[in-house]
Protein backbone atom coordinates (compact mmCIF):
# COMPACT_ATOMS: atom_id res chain seq x y z
CA MET A 1 77.70 -70.28 130.74
CA GLN A 2 79.40 -72.27 127.99
CA LEU A 3 77.31 -75.33 127.25
CA LEU A 4 77.18 -77.71 124.30
CA PHE A 5 74.01 -79.56 123.37
CA THR A 6 74.03 -82.35 120.82
CA THR A 7 70.88 -83.23 118.93
CA SER A 8 69.98 -85.91 116.42
CA ASP A 9 67.12 -86.84 114.16
CA TYR A 10 65.98 -90.03 115.90
CA ASP A 11 66.50 -89.43 119.61
CA PRO A 12 63.37 -90.73 121.34
CA PHE A 13 64.15 -88.86 124.57
CA PHE A 14 65.28 -85.35 123.58
CA SER A 15 63.94 -83.80 120.40
CA LYS A 16 66.12 -81.34 118.53
CA GLY A 17 63.39 -78.71 118.85
CA VAL A 18 63.29 -78.98 122.63
CA LEU A 19 67.06 -78.86 122.98
CA ARG A 20 67.33 -75.90 120.63
CA GLY A 21 64.68 -74.14 122.69
CA VAL A 22 66.54 -74.80 125.92
CA ALA A 23 69.82 -73.69 124.39
CA ALA A 24 68.19 -70.44 123.27
CA LEU A 25 67.46 -69.68 126.94
CA ILE A 26 71.09 -70.05 128.01
CA ASP A 27 73.57 -67.38 127.07
CA GLY A 28 76.64 -69.08 125.59
CA ALA A 29 74.93 -72.38 124.80
CA GLU A 30 75.58 -74.01 121.45
CA VAL A 31 73.85 -76.81 119.55
CA VAL A 32 75.44 -79.37 117.25
CA HIS A 33 73.06 -81.51 115.22
CA PHE A 34 73.88 -85.02 113.99
CA ALA A 35 71.63 -85.89 111.09
CA GLY A 36 70.48 -89.46 110.73
CA HIS A 37 71.42 -90.60 114.23
CA GLY A 38 69.59 -91.62 117.40
CA HIS A 39 70.11 -91.02 121.11
CA SER A 40 73.66 -92.38 121.38
CA VAL A 41 75.54 -90.25 118.88
CA TYR A 42 78.82 -90.92 120.73
CA PHE A 43 78.43 -94.62 119.74
CA GLU A 44 76.87 -94.07 116.32
CA ASP A 45 79.33 -91.41 115.12
CA PRO A 46 82.24 -91.35 117.59
CA ASP A 47 84.55 -89.37 115.29
CA GLY A 48 81.93 -86.72 114.58
CA PHE A 49 80.95 -86.51 118.25
CA ASN A 50 84.55 -86.28 119.43
CA TYR A 51 85.32 -83.63 116.85
CA ALA A 52 82.32 -81.53 117.91
CA VAL A 53 83.23 -81.78 121.61
CA MET A 54 86.92 -81.12 121.10
CA ASP A 55 86.20 -78.18 118.80
CA PHE A 56 83.85 -76.73 121.42
CA LEU A 57 86.38 -77.21 124.21
CA GLN A 58 89.15 -75.63 122.16
CA ARG A 59 87.01 -72.55 121.59
CA VAL A 60 85.89 -72.16 125.23
CA CYS A 61 89.23 -73.22 126.74
CA PRO A 62 91.79 -71.86 124.26
CA SER A 63 94.71 -72.66 126.57
CA SER A 64 94.00 -76.37 126.05
CA THR A 65 96.59 -78.16 123.96
CA ALA A 66 94.15 -80.72 122.54
CA HIS A 67 92.51 -79.96 119.23
CA PRO A 68 90.67 -82.20 116.72
CA LYS A 69 93.14 -81.43 113.96
CA ASP A 70 95.95 -82.83 116.14
CA GLY A 71 94.29 -86.15 116.91
CA TRP A 72 92.39 -87.36 119.94
CA LEU A 73 95.13 -88.77 122.13
């Protein structure tokens, strides 16, 4: 199963260690870490978050036409 986990340094709900452990149990799971951020990385670093998600989607769905290098919309 292709699955992307995002972790951050200051997330009070999901520690990076726990999420890395869960990801290790799932074949095909990946982890992207955002240093210096909290729980809402998509608000705190929207460009970084969007890039990580779009890069992941491009790799697992190569027929998709969207790619971070081409812009978001």
